Protein backbone atom coordinates (compact mmCIF):
# COMPACT_ATOMS: atom_id res chain seq x y z
CA MET A 1 21.95 -6.15 -18.89
CA ASN A 2 24.71 -8.82 -17.96
CA THR A 3 27.76 -6.88 -16.38
CA SER A 4 29.42 -9.74 -14.69
CA SER A 5 30.11 -11.50 -17.91
CA ALA A 6 32.04 -8.57 -19.29
CA SER A 7 33.93 -7.48 -15.59
CA SER A 8 35.03 -11.23 -14.74
CA SER A 9 37.08 -11.58 -18.03
CA PRO A 10 39.47 -8.85 -18.73
CA SER A 11 40.26 -7.37 -21.50
CA PRO A 12 43.80 -7.63 -22.71
CA SER A 13 44.26 -4.21 -22.74
CA SER A 14 43.09 -3.66 -19.01
CA SER A 15 45.27 -6.86 -17.85
CA SER A 16 48.40 -4.64 -19.28
CA SER A 17 47.20 -1.47 -17.78
CA SER A 18 46.89 -2.84 -14.30
CA ALA A 19 49.85 -4.71 -14.79
CA ALA A 20 52.05 -1.42 -15.90
CA SER A 21 50.93 0.10 -12.60
CA PRO A 22 51.13 -1.98 -9.82
CA SER A 23 50.62 0.75 -6.93
CA SER A 24 48.08 2.35 -8.22
CA PRO A 25 45.17 2.60 -5.86
CA ALA A 26 41.80 1.20 -6.40
CA PRO A 27 38.99 3.18 -7.08
CA THR A 28 36.82 3.42 -4.08
CA THR A 29 32.85 4.57 -3.55
CA ALA A 30 32.00 7.47 -1.32
CA PRO A 31 29.66 6.36 0.93
CA ALA A 32 26.25 7.07 1.23
CA ALA A 33 25.20 9.96 2.94
CA PRO A 34 23.12 9.13 5.93
CA PRO A 35 19.57 10.33 6.19
CA ASP A 36 19.15 13.55 7.47
CA ARG A 37 17.32 14.78 10.39
CA ASP A 38 13.80 14.94 8.57
CA GLY A 39 14.40 11.86 7.92
CA ARG A 40 15.01 12.18 3.80
CA PRO A 41 16.98 9.39 3.05
CA PRO A 42 19.98 9.74 0.39
CA THR A 43 19.00 9.96 -2.91
CA GLY A 44 20.94 9.72 -6.09
CA PRO A 45 24.52 8.52 -6.67
CA PRO A 46 27.46 9.10 -4.48
CA ALA A 47 29.61 11.84 -4.65
CA GLY A 48 31.75 11.56 -7.85
CA SER A 49 29.76 9.71 -10.28
CA ALA A 50 27.15 11.01 -12.80
CA ALA A 51 23.64 10.55 -12.26
CA ALA A 52 22.00 8.25 -14.33
CA PRO A 53 18.41 8.89 -15.42
CA PRO A 54 15.80 5.43 -14.67
CA ASP A 55 16.57 2.99 -17.31
CA ARG A 56 13.63 1.08 -19.70
CA ARG A 57 13.41 -1.66 -17.59
CA LEU A 58 13.17 0.30 -14.32
CA ARG A 59 10.24 2.72 -15.92
CA ALA A 60 8.56 -0.30 -17.08
CA ALA A 61 8.60 -1.86 -13.56
CA ARG A 62 6.94 1.16 -12.25
CA LEU A 63 4.85 0.88 -14.37
CA ALA A 64 3.56 -2.58 -13.98
CA THR A 65 3.57 -1.54 -9.84
CA PHE A 66 1.07 1.21 -11.20
CA GLY A 67 -0.88 -1.41 -13.05
CA PHE A 68 -0.76 -3.81 -9.91
CA PHE A 69 -2.73 -1.00 -7.68
CA GLY A 70 -4.89 -0.05 -9.45
CA LEU A 71 -6.00 -3.31 -10.33
CA ASN A 72 -6.31 -4.13 -6.60
CA GLY A 73 -8.32 -0.84 -6.05
CA PHE A 74 -10.29 -1.75 -8.92
CA VAL A 75 -10.78 -5.53 -8.14
CA MET A 76 -12.26 -4.90 -4.53
CA GLY A 77 -14.34 -1.92 -5.36
CA MET A 78 -16.05 -4.09 -7.61
CA TRP A 79 -17.11 -6.09 -4.92
CA ILE A 80 -17.78 -3.28 -2.87
CA VAL A 81 -19.84 -1.74 -5.45
CA HIS A 82 -22.25 -5.19 -5.56
CA ILE A 83 -22.54 -5.37 -2.16
CA PRO A 84 -26.22 -4.70 -2.48
CA ALA A 85 -26.71 -7.16 -4.85
CA ILE A 86 -25.22 -10.06 -3.20
CA GLU A 87 -26.73 -9.46 -0.07
CA HIS A 88 -30.39 -9.51 -2.14
CA ARG A 89 -29.12 -12.50 -4.00
CA THR A 90 -27.72 -14.46 -0.79
CA GLY A 91 -30.65 -13.16 1.34
CA VAL A 92 -28.29 -12.63 4.12
CA THR A 93 -29.81 -9.81 6.65
CA HIS A 94 -27.15 -7.02 7.26
CA ALA A 95 -26.48 -7.88 10.71
CA VAL A 96 -25.35 -11.08 9.18
CA LEU A 97 -23.73 -9.22 6.39
CA GLY A 98 -21.52 -7.40 9.10
CA TRP A 99 -20.49 -10.74 10.60
CA LEU A 100 -19.86 -12.42 7.13
CA LEU A 101 -17.31 -8.96 6.17
CA LEU A 102 -14.91 -10.42 9.14
CA PHE A 103 -14.26 -13.81 7.11
CA LEU A 104 -12.70 -11.22 4.09
CA GLY A 105 -10.62 -9.25 6.66
CA GLY A 106 -9.22 -12.49 8.70
CA GLY A 107 -8.50 -13.89 4.63
CA ALA A 108 -7.14 -10.64 4.03
CA PHE A 109 -5.10 -11.06 7.29
CA ALA A 110 -3.96 -14.30 6.77
CA GLY A 111 -2.58 -13.50 3.48
CA MET A 112 -0.44 -10.46 4.37
CA GLN A 113 1.17 -12.67 7.19
CA LEU A 114 1.85 -15.64 4.77
CA CYS A 115 2.77 -13.89 2.01
CA GLY A 116 5.37 -11.40 3.83
CA PRO A 117 8.25 -14.02 4.50
CA LEU A 118 7.04 -16.01 0.90
CA THR A 119 8.27 -12.63 -0.95
CA ASP A 120 11.23 -12.02 1.05
CA ARG A 121 12.18 -15.60 0.41
CA PHE A 122 10.87 -15.88 -3.72
CA GLY A 123 11.00 -12.40 -4.47
CA SER A 124 8.17 -10.11 -5.06
CA HIS A 125 8.35 -11.16 -8.73
CA ARG A 126 6.54 -14.10 -7.94
CA VAL A 127 4.47 -13.33 -5.24
CA VAL A 128 2.63 -10.57 -6.92
CA PRO A 129 1.30 -12.10 -9.85
CA ALA A 130 0.30 -14.55 -8.08
CA GLY A 131 -1.78 -12.53 -5.65
CA GLY A 132 -3.39 -11.09 -8.81
CA LEU A 133 -4.29 -14.07 -10.44
CA LEU A 134 -5.82 -15.52 -7.31
CA CYS A 135 -7.57 -12.10 -6.29
CA SER A 136 -8.80 -11.60 -9.48
CA ALA A 137 -10.18 -15.27 -9.66
CA ALA A 138 -11.77 -15.25 -6.66
CA LEU A 139 -13.74 -11.86 -7.34
CA VAL A 140 -16.37 -14.63 -9.07
CA LEU A 141 -16.83 -16.61 -6.01
CA PRO A 142 -19.38 -13.92 -4.09
CA GLY A 143 -21.35 -13.67 -7.14
CA LEU A 144 -21.82 -17.73 -7.41
CA ALA A 145 -22.71 -17.64 -3.51
CA GLN A 146 -26.47 -18.68 -3.00
CA GLY A 147 -26.61 -18.90 0.84
CA PRO A 148 -24.42 -17.35 3.67
CA TRP A 149 -21.89 -20.06 4.48
CA ALA A 150 -20.93 -19.99 0.61
CA LEU A 151 -20.79 -16.23 0.74
CA ALA A 152 -18.63 -16.32 3.52
CA ALA A 153 -15.43 -18.91 2.04
CA ALA A 154 -15.74 -16.67 -1.32
CA LEU A 155 -14.89 -13.52 1.21
CA LEU A 156 -12.64 -15.47 2.86
CA VAL A 157 -10.79 -16.59 -0.64
CA LEU A 158 -11.01 -12.72 -1.95
CA GLY A 159 -9.86 -11.61 1.01
CA PHE A 160 -6.28 -14.12 1.61
CA GLY A 161 -5.89 -13.07 -2.68
CA ASN A 162 -6.31 -9.48 -1.87
CA GLY A 163 -3.85 -10.31 1.60
CA CYS A 164 -1.49 -11.46 -0.85
CA LEU A 165 -1.44 -8.79 -3.41
CA ASP A 166 -1.32 -5.95 -1.02
CA VAL A 167 1.44 -7.32 0.53
CA GLY A 168 3.35 -8.29 -2.58
CA MET A 169 3.01 -4.79 -4.54
CA ASN A 170 3.85 -3.26 -1.71
CA THR A 171 7.06 -5.11 -1.10
CA HIS A 172 7.73 -4.91 -5.04
CA ALA A 173 6.66 -1.15 -4.89
CA VAL A 174 9.47 -0.67 -2.29
CA HIS A 175 12.12 -2.00 -4.23
CA VAL A 176 11.28 0.07 -7.27
CA GLU A 177 11.61 3.12 -5.12
CA SER A 178 14.83 2.33 -3.91
CA ARG A 179 16.54 1.87 -7.43
CA TYR A 180 14.93 5.25 -8.11
CA GLY A 181 16.59 6.87 -5.29
CA ARG A 182 13.90 9.33 -4.56
CA PRO A 183 9.68 8.95 -2.90
CA VAL A 184 7.50 7.15 -5.52
CA MET A 185 5.47 5.04 -2.85
CA SER A 186 2.29 8.07 -2.18
CA ALA A 187 1.69 7.61 -6.45
CA PHE A 188 1.01 4.21 -6.09
CA HIS A 189 -1.28 4.23 -3.50
CA ALA A 190 -3.25 7.38 -5.17
CA VAL A 191 -3.34 4.78 -8.53
CA PHE A 192 -5.03 2.35 -5.81
CA SER A 193 -7.92 4.84 -5.56
CA VAL A 194 -8.18 5.61 -8.64
CA GLY A 195 -8.83 1.90 -9.16
CA GLY A 196 -11.39 2.02 -6.60
CA VAL A 197 -13.06 5.28 -8.31
CA LEU A 198 -12.71 3.56 -11.78
CA ALA A 199 -14.80 -0.21 -10.10
CA ALA A 200 -17.56 2.65 -8.77
CA LEU A 201 -18.15 4.16 -12.27
CA VAL A 202 -17.87 1.07 -14.02
CA GLY A 203 -20.37 -0.52 -11.77
CA ALA A 204 -22.98 2.16 -11.71
CA ARG A 205 -23.14 1.90 -15.72
CA THR A 206 -23.29 -2.41 -15.68
CA LEU A 207 -26.48 -1.89 -13.15
CA SER A 208 -28.00 0.61 -15.15
CA TRP A 209 -27.38 -1.76 -17.98
CA GLY A 210 -29.13 -4.58 -16.21
CA TRP A 211 -26.28 -7.19 -15.77
CA SER A 212 -26.07 -9.71 -12.95
CA ALA A 213 -24.20 -9.70 -9.98
CA PRO A 214 -22.22 -13.21 -11.51
CA VAL A 215 -22.34 -11.82 -15.15
CA THR A 216 -20.59 -8.28 -14.03
CA LEU A 217 -18.07 -10.08 -11.51
CA SER A 218 -16.83 -12.72 -14.11
CA CYS A 219 -16.05 -10.81 -16.98
CA ILE A 220 -13.92 -8.22 -14.29
CA ALA A 221 -12.42 -11.60 -13.13
CA ALA A 222 -11.46 -12.53 -16.43
CA LEU A 223 -10.17 -8.82 -17.28
CA GLY A 224 -8.29 -8.80 -14.45
CA VAL A 225 -6.50 -12.62 -15.07
CA ALA A 226 -5.50 -10.89 -18.73
CA VAL A 227 -4.39 -7.60 -16.71
CA THR A 228 -1.69 -9.70 -14.46
CA LEU A 229 -0.48 -11.64 -17.20
CA VAL A 230 0.40 -8.87 -19.17
CA THR A 231 1.38 -6.76 -16.43
CA THR A 232 3.84 -9.07 -14.77
CA THR A 233 6.43 -9.07 -17.73
CA GLY A 234 7.27 -5.71 -15.95
CA LEU A 235 8.41 -6.74 -12.81
CA LEU A 236 11.49 -6.58 -11.76
CA ARG A 237 13.19 -9.41 -11.70
CA PRO A 238 16.69 -10.80 -10.40
CA ARG A 239 19.59 -11.39 -12.99
CA PRO A 240 21.29 -15.07 -12.98
CA ASP A 241 24.59 -12.76 -12.40
CA GLY A 242 23.75 -10.56 -9.99
CA PRO A 243 21.67 -9.62 -6.26
CA ALA A 244 17.94 -9.77 -6.70
CA PRO A 245 16.28 -6.30 -7.43
CA ASP A 246 12.93 -7.42 -5.71
CA GLY A 247 13.65 -9.03 -2.68
CA GLY A 248 13.94 -12.45 -3.76
CA PRO A 249 17.21 -14.44 -3.81
CA ALA A 250 19.67 -14.38 -6.47
CA ASN A 251 23.22 -16.31 -6.52
CA GLN A 252 22.10 -16.64 -2.46
CA SER A 253 22.30 -12.78 -2.17
CA LEU A 254 19.52 -10.90 -1.11
CA ALA A 255 18.11 -7.36 -2.40
CA GLU A 256 20.07 -4.04 -1.90
CA ASP A 257 19.30 -0.69 -2.16
CA THR A 258 20.66 1.79 -4.97
CA ASN A 259 23.24 2.99 -2.14
CA GLY A 260 24.51 -1.27 -1.63
CA HIS A 261 23.22 -0.64 2.09
CA GLY A 262 21.10 -3.62 3.37
CA ASP A 263 22.39 -6.81 3.02
CA ALA A 264 20.72 -9.32 4.87
CA GLU A 265 22.34 -11.96 7.04
CA VAL A 266 21.29 -15.64 4.30
CA ALA A 267 21.05 -19.04 6.15
CA PRO A 268 22.48 -21.89 3.64
CA GLY A 269 20.54 -22.35 0.69
CA GLY A 270 20.14 -19.04 0.31
CA LYS A 271 17.29 -18.49 2.69
CA SER A 272 16.79 -15.67 5.02
CA GLY A 273 17.49 -17.03 9.07
CA LYS A 274 14.74 -16.18 11.01
CA ARG A 275 14.69 -13.09 12.28
CA ARG A 276 12.93 -11.26 15.43
CA THR A 277 10.47 -8.42 14.31
CA PRO A 278 12.41 -4.91 15.44
CA SER A 279 10.19 -2.76 17.91
CA ARG A 280 10.39 -0.18 15.33
CA ILE A 281 8.47 -2.11 12.63
CA TRP A 282 5.78 -2.89 15.04
CA ALA A 283 5.76 1.26 15.68
CA LEU A 284 5.37 1.56 12.40
CA ALA A 285 1.93 -0.90 12.58
CA VAL A 286 0.32 0.56 15.24
CA LEU A 287 0.75 3.91 14.01
CA ALA A 288 -0.45 2.23 10.14
CA LEU A 289 -3.41 0.70 12.02
CA ALA A 290 -4.39 4.69 14.25
CA LEU A 291 -4.35 6.73 10.57
CA MET A 292 -6.05 3.03 8.72
CA LEU A 293 -8.90 3.46 11.47
CA CYS A 294 -9.41 6.97 11.08
CA GLU A 295 -9.57 6.36 7.10
CA GLY A 296 -11.88 3.57 8.01
CA VAL A 297 -14.01 6.04 10.31
CA ALA A 298 -14.41 8.48 7.05
CA ASN A 299 -15.08 5.94 4.91
CA ASP A 300 -18.14 4.90 6.91
CA TRP A 301 -19.71 7.37 9.22
CA SER A 302 -19.03 10.93 6.87
CA ALA A 303 -22.26 10.26 5.20
CA LEU A 304 -23.81 9.41 8.10
CA HIS A 305 -22.69 12.22 9.79
CA LEU A 306 -24.38 14.49 7.50
CA ARG A 307 -27.35 13.17 7.11
CA ASP A 308 -28.15 12.59 11.31
CA VAL A 309 -26.36 14.99 12.80
CA LEU A 310 -26.73 18.07 10.41
CA ASP A 311 -29.68 16.89 8.38
CA ALA A 312 -28.73 16.77 4.83
CA PRO A 313 -30.59 15.56 1.66
CA ALA A 314 -29.24 11.83 0.98
CA ALA A 315 -27.26 13.00 -1.92
CA THR A 316 -25.78 15.71 0.05
CA ALA A 317 -24.49 13.39 2.32
CA ALA A 318 -22.97 11.03 0.06
CA LEU A 319 -20.62 14.34 -1.12
CA ALA A 320 -18.55 13.96 2.18
CA TYR A 321 -17.05 10.39 1.41
CA GLY A 322 -16.83 11.90 -1.81
CA ALA A 323 -14.81 14.82 -0.67
CA PHE A 324 -13.08 12.92 0.97
CA ALA A 325 -12.13 10.17 -1.11
CA THR A 326 -10.99 12.99 -3.73
CA ALA A 327 -9.18 14.88 -1.47
CA MET A 328 -6.87 11.62 -0.83
CA THR A 329 -6.59 10.46 -4.20
CA VAL A 330 -5.27 14.13 -5.10
CA GLY A 331 -3.32 14.38 -2.24
CA ARG A 332 -1.58 11.17 -2.66
CA PHE A 333 -0.21 12.09 -6.15
CA ALA A 334 1.37 15.30 -4.51
CA THR A 335 2.84 13.63 -1.94
CA ASP A 336 6.37 11.92 -3.31
CA ARG A 337 7.30 15.72 -4.71
CA VAL A 338 6.40 17.04 -1.02
CA VAL A 339 8.10 14.28 0.62
CA ALA A 340 11.46 15.16 -1.49
CA ARG A 341 11.29 18.46 -0.46
CA ILE A 342 10.59 18.66 3.41
CA GLY A 343 10.79 14.58 4.56
CA PRO A 344 8.61 11.77 5.76
CA VAL A 345 8.88 12.94 8.83
CA ARG A 346 7.92 16.49 8.35
CA LEU A 347 5.19 15.06 6.20
CA VAL A 348 3.27 12.82 9.00
CA ARG A 349 3.38 15.37 11.62
CA TYR A 350 2.12 18.26 9.37
CA GLY A 351 -0.15 16.06 7.87
CA THR A 352 -1.70 14.07 10.93
CA ALA A 353 -1.64 17.94 12.56
CA LEU A 354 -3.74 19.08 9.63
CA ALA A 355 -5.90 15.90 9.45
CA ALA A 356 -6.12 16.84 12.78
CA ALA A 357 -7.69 19.97 12.62
CA GLY A 358 -10.06 19.39 9.63
CA LEU A 359 -12.21 16.54 11.63
CA VAL A 360 -12.36 19.23 14.86
CA ALA A 361 -13.77 21.63 12.40
CA THR A 362 -16.05 19.11 10.95
CA ALA A 363 -17.23 17.17 14.67
CA LEU A 364 -18.29 21.43 15.83
CA SER A 365 -19.70 22.50 12.88
CA PRO A 366 -23.12 23.59 12.91
CA TRP A 367 -22.91 23.84 8.57
CA ILE A 368 -22.91 21.66 6.15
CA PRO A 369 -20.64 23.59 4.01
CA LEU A 370 -18.14 23.90 6.85
CA ALA A 371 -18.36 20.18 7.45
CA LEU A 372 -17.73 19.47 3.90
CA ALA A 373 -14.96 21.41 4.23
CA GLY A 374 -13.25 19.94 7.57
CA TRP A 375 -13.92 16.10 5.81
CA THR A 376 -11.53 17.36 2.37
CA VAL A 377 -8.95 18.76 4.94
CA PHE A 378 -9.25 15.61 6.63
CA GLY A 379 -8.57 13.91 3.41
CA ILE A 380 -5.75 16.19 2.82
CA GLY A 381 -3.55 15.63 5.95
CA LEU A 382 -4.12 11.62 6.02
CA SER A 383 -3.45 11.35 2.45
CA GLY A 384 0.53 10.71 2.49
CA CYS A 385 0.92 9.65 5.88
CA ILE A 386 0.06 5.67 5.71
CA PRO A 387 2.26 5.61 2.31
CA GLN A 388 5.34 6.49 4.64
CA PHE A 389 4.70 3.98 6.98
CA PHE A 390 4.90 1.45 4.38
CA SER A 391 8.00 3.04 3.13
CA ALA A 392 9.94 2.97 6.02
CA ALA A 393 8.73 -0.71 7.12
CA GLY A 394 10.03 -1.88 3.39
CA HIS A 395 13.37 -0.12 3.63
CA ALA A 396 14.10 -1.11 7.11
CA ASP A 397 15.43 -4.23 6.37
CA ALA A 398 16.11 -5.38 2.84
CA GLY A 399 16.28 -9.15 3.79
CA ALA A 400 12.97 -9.22 5.37
CA SER A 401 11.22 -6.16 3.91
CA GLY A 402 8.03 -8.44 2.99
CA ALA A 403 7.42 -9.61 6.33
CA ASN A 404 8.05 -6.16 7.69
CA VAL A 405 5.37 -4.80 5.20
CA SER A 406 2.92 -7.53 6.45
CA ARG A 407 3.55 -6.23 9.61
CA VAL A 408 2.40 -3.15 8.91
CA ALA A 409 -0.49 -3.89 6.11
CA GLY A 410 -2.00 -6.80 8.90
CA LEU A 411 -2.63 -3.98 11.31
CA GLY A 412 -3.65 -1.71 9.21
CA TYR A 413 -6.01 -3.25 7.62
CA LEU A 414 -7.16 -4.27 10.90
CA GLY A 415 -7.53 -0.62 11.77
CA VAL A 416 -9.75 0.01 8.51
CA LEU A 417 -11.94 -2.85 9.89
CA ALA A 418 -12.03 -1.61 13.57
CA GLY A 419 -13.27 2.06 12.68
CA PRO A 420 -16.97 0.89 12.12
CA ALA A 421 -16.57 -1.26 15.48
CA VAL A 422 -15.58 1.31 17.58
CA ILE A 423 -17.58 4.53 16.54
CA GLY A 424 -20.95 2.45 16.30
CA PRO A 425 -21.04 1.42 20.48
CA LEU A 426 -19.38 4.75 20.98
CA THR A 427 -22.75 6.44 19.75
CA GLN A 428 -24.87 4.78 22.05
CA VAL A 429 -23.92 6.91 24.55
CA ILE A 430 -22.45 9.96 22.83
CA PRO A 431 -23.36 11.98 19.81
CA LEU A 432 -22.02 10.36 16.65
CA ASN A 433 -20.17 13.88 15.88
CA LEU A 434 -18.51 13.52 19.43
CA THR A 435 -16.77 10.39 18.84
CA PHE A 436 -15.16 11.89 15.99
CA PHE A 437 -12.50 12.89 18.60
CA LEU A 438 -11.21 9.57 18.87
CA PRO A 439 -9.62 9.64 15.46
CA VAL A 440 -8.55 13.49 16.36
CA ALA A 441 -6.69 11.86 19.60
CA LEU A 442 -5.14 8.74 17.11
CA CYS A 443 -4.17 11.76 14.60
CA ALA A 444 -2.36 13.58 17.33
CA LEU A 445 -0.26 10.65 18.81
CA ALA A 446 0.74 9.95 14.87
CA ALA A 447 1.97 13.65 15.01
CA CYS A 448 4.29 13.04 18.38
CA THR A 449 5.76 10.29 17.42
CA ALA A 450 5.78 11.20 13.47
CA GLY A 451 10.28 10.19 14.19
CA VAL A 452 9.99 6.31 13.66
CA VAL A 453 9.64 6.68 9.86
CA ARG A 454 13.16 8.78 9.85
CA ALA A 455 15.08 6.58 7.43
CA ARG A 456 18.23 4.55 9.60
């Protein structure tokens, strides 16, 4: 909607009206309310104005963001499903594969740190489709690799594309949430989880049909490229006559949030000046690392815990991760409503306390049903916390939202990778179930420092 042309060329009636009453005071906009003590940002329009429902363009942007989160989860899930087949094709051992996975993590971290500033400079509406195309196309490469070095290069490229898409879509989600004026971030992360579940189902089906990894991954890559091209049309784009809604430049302006705050200092030529990362962003990043390490522990050790500590059959042990992942997904779909009611500070505080209680029950339980219940509670508690770190980082500075999100995402991703690396050596010293008190301590740390997510 182009509104500036109408405002810049007033009608004769409006001109005569203004001339007839020169002393009439200019209309003023009520200042936005500050965040409350629980970290809830001011939502809705300023006082005295009518609430407007999201327009078609904003709803399309939300659907497009859902699409990219789902695509990211689906693409990376398809890689995970085919790890055994690719390991067999390349002839690498478990130990070598463990080292090769570092290339995936390193590529993702590099992509996140590079694309954060690029998102602030050029806008998430450009970075998101670029990341989607690269991540989708790169999925072909691991399936074609025939040796360890080729697989290392393939994982580096796939990780880089994943990192670019991750930062771009989370930054775009921040801008969509800002324009909605209410929490919507957690639902995006829930759809990412749904994408991973869908990948597991599709991958299991194609493997049962006897499809090879190169064939399946090539088909999924083509599908991902097509989805990216179609979904891109719904992303928020800057108007030529107004500020960019997605963090990119438009008429040398950077994005504003729905209350008109967050203007960034802009260098000549429309480029944002070099900024120091605030200590609050680093605090959010460290907490993201801590809680994503907890998530990584559940991903990699939950099934082994039931099998090795409680002597559960393999089929029953697999239910541990299923219970955790399902709880995470369902919890994230419910989180936005909870945040709107109690605020992000209380959600992180109570959520991490609940997660710690669930994991303590799991660690000390001698019974399989109680351990499964503990993993479920652990997932519910963690589910809504991590999206709050992304949201808080993105809203901290509208002109540097991409860079801030990249810091949180980058350290958080390192936490996921660190989970297996930290717990593994500890099992040489203490029983596996007792190593879970490390993530319990990290949850307690997050509960004590939850105030960092409060809107400023």
